[in-house]
Protein backbone atom coordinates (compact mmCIF):
# COMPACT_ATOMS: atom_id res chain seq x y z
CA MET A 1 78.43 146.45 119.70
CA ARG A 2 80.36 146.78 116.47
CA THR A 3 81.93 143.30 116.96
CA PHE A 4 78.47 141.82 117.57
CA ALA A 5 77.14 143.42 114.34
CA VAL A 6 80.12 142.07 112.38
CA ALA A 7 79.49 138.61 113.80
CA LEU A 8 75.84 138.78 112.74
CA LEU A 9 76.80 139.76 109.18
CA ILE A 10 79.39 136.98 108.97
CA GLY A 11 76.92 134.50 110.46
CA ALA A 12 74.32 135.38 107.82
CA ALA A 13 76.86 134.78 105.04
CA VAL A 14 77.88 131.40 106.48
CA ALA A 15 74.28 130.30 107.07
CA ALA A 16 73.48 130.98 103.40
CA GLN A 17 75.97 128.34 102.34
CA GLU A 18 75.32 124.61 102.28
CA PRO A 19 77.00 122.79 105.20
CA VAL A 20 80.15 120.83 104.35
CA ARG A 21 79.38 117.09 104.29
CA THR A 22 81.60 114.11 104.96
CA THR A 23 81.38 110.59 106.40
CA VAL A 24 82.52 109.19 109.73
CA GLY A 25 86.32 109.00 109.93
CA MET A 26 86.95 110.93 106.68
CA PRO A 27 88.52 114.43 107.07
CA ALA A 28 86.94 117.40 105.30
CA VAL A 29 87.90 121.07 104.97
CA VAL A 30 85.84 124.24 105.54
CA PRO A 31 87.71 127.12 103.82
CA GLY A 32 87.40 130.88 104.13
CA ILE A 33 85.69 131.12 107.54
CA VAL A 34 85.95 134.70 108.90
CA LEU A 35 85.63 135.01 112.68
CA PRO A 36 85.70 138.37 114.50
CA GLY A 37 88.22 139.41 117.14
CA GLY A 38 91.34 137.65 118.40
CA GLU A 39 92.72 134.39 117.00
CA PHE A 40 90.93 131.08 117.69
CA GLU A 41 92.22 127.54 118.24
CA PRO A 42 90.47 124.13 118.60
CA ILE A 43 89.49 123.00 122.07
CA ASP A 44 91.28 119.89 123.32
CA ALA A 45 89.78 116.66 121.96
CA THR A 46 88.80 113.81 124.29
CA LEU A 47 87.72 110.19 123.79
CA LYS A 48 84.10 111.42 123.83
CA SER A 49 84.56 114.23 121.29
CA PRO A 50 82.22 113.65 118.30
CA VAL A 51 84.36 115.92 116.09
CA VAL A 52 88.12 116.60 116.01
CA LEU A 53 89.33 119.93 114.55
CA ARG A 54 92.61 121.22 113.15
CA ILE A 55 93.21 124.75 111.82
CA GLU A 56 95.17 124.39 108.58
CA HIS A 57 95.62 128.11 107.84
CA VAL A 58 94.82 131.46 109.47
CA GLN A 59 95.46 135.04 108.34
CA LYS A 60 94.47 138.53 109.44
CA HIS A 61 91.27 139.93 107.90
CA GLY A 62 90.91 143.50 109.15
CA THR A 63 89.96 143.24 112.83
CA ALA A 64 89.02 139.59 112.28
CA HIS A 65 90.81 136.43 111.07
CA ARG A 66 90.13 134.15 108.11
CA TYR A 67 90.48 130.41 108.80
CA THR A 68 90.74 127.17 106.87
CA ILE A 69 89.48 124.44 109.21
CA GLN A 70 89.91 120.69 108.76
CA PHE A 71 87.57 118.45 110.77
CA THR A 72 87.06 114.71 111.21
CA GLY A 73 83.69 113.44 112.42
CA LEU A 74 83.84 110.46 114.76
CA GLU A 75 80.07 110.19 115.17
CA ALA A 76 77.31 110.79 112.62
CA GLY A 77 75.25 113.97 113.08
CA GLU A 78 74.98 117.71 112.38
CA TYR A 79 77.48 119.94 114.18
CA ASP A 80 78.46 123.60 114.57
CA LEU A 81 82.28 123.78 114.43
CA ALA A 82 82.17 127.14 116.23
CA THR A 83 81.29 125.26 119.45
CA PHE A 84 84.63 123.42 119.24
CA LEU A 85 86.75 126.63 119.16
CA ARG A 86 88.21 128.92 121.82
CA ARG A 87 90.36 132.04 121.72
CA LYS A 88 94.11 131.54 122.17
CA ASP A 89 94.21 134.16 124.91
CA ARG A 90 91.21 132.47 126.63
CA SER A 91 89.18 135.69 126.44
CA ASP A 92 85.41 135.70 125.89
CA ILE A 93 84.58 134.29 122.43
CA GLY A 94 81.62 136.66 122.03
CA ALA A 95 78.98 136.19 119.31
CA LEU A 96 80.19 133.81 116.60
CA PRO A 97 78.60 132.75 113.32
CA LYS A 98 77.62 129.11 113.03
CA ILE A 99 79.87 126.83 110.99
CA PRO A 100 77.47 123.99 110.08
CA VAL A 101 78.77 120.59 108.97
CA VAL A 102 77.13 117.19 108.45
CA VAL A 103 78.82 113.88 109.26
CA GLU A 104 77.08 110.91 107.65
CA ALA A 105 77.32 107.28 108.72
CA VAL A 106 79.07 104.73 106.48
CA ARG A 107 77.42 101.66 108.00
CA ASP A 108 74.08 100.52 109.35
CA GLU A 109 72.77 103.24 111.72
CA HIS A 110 71.74 100.57 114.21
CA GLN A 111 75.22 99.03 114.36
CA HIS A 112 77.35 100.71 117.03
CA GLU A 113 80.14 98.17 117.40
CA PRO A 114 82.00 95.90 114.96
CA ASN A 115 80.37 92.53 114.61
CA GLU A 116 81.80 89.93 116.92
CA LEU A 117 83.68 87.13 115.21
CA GLN A 118 81.51 84.02 115.24
CA ALA A 119 83.07 80.73 116.19
CA ILE A 120 82.41 77.97 113.66
CA THR A 121 81.85 74.49 115.04
CA PRO A 122 83.61 71.88 112.85
CA PRO A 123 81.40 69.10 111.50
CA ALA A 124 81.48 65.75 113.24
CA LEU A 125 83.68 63.09 111.62
CA GLY A 126 81.65 60.13 112.80
CA GLY A 127 81.98 57.64 115.65
CA TYR A 128 85.01 57.42 117.91
CA GLU A 129 86.31 54.14 116.48
CA ARG A 130 85.98 55.32 112.89
CA THR A 131 87.77 58.55 113.76
CA MET A 132 90.67 56.72 115.40
CA TRP A 133 91.08 54.37 112.40
CA THR A 134 91.06 57.34 110.01
CA LEU A 135 93.65 59.22 112.04
CA GLY A 136 95.85 56.12 112.34
CA ILE A 137 95.84 55.44 108.60
CA ALA A 138 96.50 59.10 107.81
CA TRP A 139 99.39 59.17 110.29
CA ALA A 140 100.94 55.99 108.80
CA ILE A 141 100.65 57.32 105.24
CA GLY A 142 102.17 60.62 106.28
CA LEU A 143 105.06 58.91 108.07
CA LEU A 144 105.87 56.72 105.03
CA ALA A 145 105.77 59.77 102.73
CA ILE A 146 108.19 61.64 104.98
CA LEU A 147 110.60 58.68 105.20
CA PHE A 148 110.75 58.20 101.43
CA ALA A 149 110.84 61.88 100.51
CA PHE A 150 113.59 62.84 102.93
CA ARG A 151 115.62 59.62 103.04
CA LYS A 152 118.47 61.27 101.14
CA ARG A 153 118.27 64.43 103.21
CA ALA A 154 118.28 63.00 106.70
CA GLY A 155 120.58 65.73 108.02
CA ALA A 156 118.73 68.65 106.47
CA GLU A 157 116.59 70.87 108.67
CA PRO A 158 112.92 71.07 107.74
CA ALA A 159 111.80 74.32 106.17
CA VAL A 160 109.74 76.51 108.48
CA ALA A 161 107.08 78.70 106.97
CA ARG A 162 107.32 82.36 107.93
CA PRO A 163 104.53 83.21 110.38
CA LEU A 164 101.81 85.54 109.12
CA THR A 165 102.18 89.10 110.46
CA ILE A 166 99.78 92.00 110.91
CA ALA A 167 101.61 93.72 108.03
CA ASP A 168 100.68 90.76 105.77
CA ARG A 169 97.01 91.19 106.73
CA LEU A 170 97.09 94.97 106.29
CA ARG A 171 98.92 95.06 102.94
CA PRO A 172 96.02 94.04 100.60
CA ILE A 173 93.57 96.24 102.55
CA VAL A 174 95.80 99.33 102.34
CA ALA A 175 96.52 98.59 98.66
CA ARG A 176 92.76 98.55 97.90
CA ALA A 177 92.37 101.84 99.78
CA LEU A 178 95.12 103.47 97.69
CA GLU A 179 93.34 102.24 94.54
CA GLY A 180 90.03 103.69 95.75
CA ARG A 181 88.43 100.23 95.96
CA LEU A 182 88.11 99.83 99.73
CA GLU A 183 84.58 98.78 100.63
CA PRO A 184 83.01 99.46 104.10
CA ALA A 185 83.79 95.87 105.18
CA GLY A 186 87.46 96.41 104.30
CA HIS A 187 87.51 99.68 106.23
CA ALA A 188 86.06 97.88 109.27
CA GLU A 189 88.68 95.10 108.92
CA LEU A 190 91.46 97.75 108.78
CA GLU A 191 90.20 99.32 112.01
CA ARG A 192 89.83 95.88 113.66
CA LEU A 193 93.42 94.93 112.86
CA LEU A 194 94.79 98.23 114.16
CA LEU A 195 92.72 97.88 117.33
CA SER A 196 94.05 94.35 117.82
CA VAL A 197 97.58 95.79 117.96
CA TRP A 198 97.03 98.98 119.94
CA ARG A 199 94.24 98.29 122.47
CA ARG A 200 96.58 96.81 125.10
CA ARG A 201 99.49 99.15 124.30
CA LEU A 202 97.34 102.27 124.79
CA SER A 203 95.28 100.79 127.69
CA LEU A 204 92.03 100.94 125.68
CA GLU A 205 90.69 97.50 126.61
CA HIS A 206 87.56 98.96 128.18
CA ALA A 207 86.93 101.68 125.57
CA THR A 208 84.30 101.24 122.85
CA ALA A 209 85.51 100.66 119.30
CA ARG A 210 84.55 104.23 118.31
CA ASP A 211 86.39 105.77 121.26
CA ALA A 212 89.42 103.53 120.71
CA ILE A 213 89.66 104.50 117.00
CA ALA A 214 89.40 108.19 118.00
CA ALA A 215 92.31 107.71 120.42
CA LEU A 216 94.36 105.93 117.72
CA ARG A 217 93.88 108.81 115.25
CA VAL A 218 95.37 111.40 117.60
CA HIS A 219 98.26 109.16 118.76
CA ASP A 220 101.58 109.90 116.99
CA GLU A 221 102.56 106.27 116.27
CA ALA A 222 99.25 104.41 116.35
CA GLY A 223 97.47 106.89 114.06
CA ALA A 224 100.25 107.28 111.49
CA LEU A 225 98.78 104.77 109.00
CA LEU A 226 95.22 106.14 109.25
CA ARG A 227 96.36 109.76 108.91
CA ALA A 228 98.60 108.94 105.94
CA LEU A 229 95.70 107.24 104.13
CA ASP A 230 93.31 110.12 104.92
CA GLN A 231 95.77 112.77 103.69
CA TRP A 232 96.59 110.80 100.54
CA LEU A 233 92.94 110.15 99.64
CA HIS A 234 92.03 113.83 100.05
CA ALA A 235 95.17 115.38 98.52
CA LYS A 236 94.74 117.37 95.30
CA GLU A 237 98.03 115.97 93.97
CA GLN A 238 98.52 112.39 95.11
CA ALA A 239 102.22 111.59 95.41
CA PRO A 240 103.07 107.85 95.60
CA LEU A 241 103.03 106.42 99.12
CA ASP A 242 105.73 104.05 100.37
CA LEU A 243 103.55 101.06 101.32
CA ASP A 244 106.48 99.16 102.88
CA ALA A 245 107.33 102.14 105.11
CA LEU A 246 103.71 102.52 106.24
CA LEU A 247 103.53 98.84 107.22
CA ARG A 248 107.02 98.58 108.75
CA PRO A 249 105.77 99.04 112.37
CA TYR A 250 103.58 95.94 111.91
CA ALA A 251 106.11 93.73 110.08
CA GLU A 252 107.31 91.96 113.25
CA ILE A 253 103.92 91.57 114.95
CA ARG A 254 102.55 88.06 114.48
CA ASP A 255 98.89 87.73 113.50
CA GLU A 256 97.50 85.30 116.05
CA GLY A 257 93.93 85.76 114.88
CA ALA A 258 92.55 87.01 118.20
CA LEU A 259 94.85 89.72 119.49
CA ALA A 260 91.95 92.08 120.12
């Protein structure tokens, strides 16, 4: 009975506060949450979990515990973080105060998947005969240019341009994020590139984009870049990030334009 009364008092104090707000995919922190009884931990996240929790700090508070909880919303909506907790000893959780949070969308509420890339049909060059004449003349001019330009370097090997990699595509996007200039379209492009690399490797071909991104965030290797950006953007003291180190896992992966 005493524990229930304590929970009611704590719940009234929490309810009087404004809910913590964030946007989809951006971590936020709820500090100073006092919960009665034994210690709590987050329940296991799944691909369908709308919110992922992590307890940053916990300390004794009389017969209760005081928590600092970090959460990341994967789907827009209003949530009670208390419903995503369980006791470490798996005992009855009892009456808990609500921990209200709001996760807001960062894109059109009617858009549930990234836009499909649209194929662009090249314009017609004209009739068949005209096309063949044009190609023939261009080929002859190109051949003559090669013969004259490389006549004195007949034994030299032609230079081969380095193929574009996923790291090359990610670098300007991550740089804009570190400068605080990453627009929603850039954020979507970042997620699309990461999905193009990891969908097959993590067997997520049949998962939706939202579920696949959620799986990437909790994966040790696949989610390293996203977690590093999130922690850096929300850190009180922002130490310089090693951009080359963050992109090193993608430096040898060729960008073939349609890996996803």
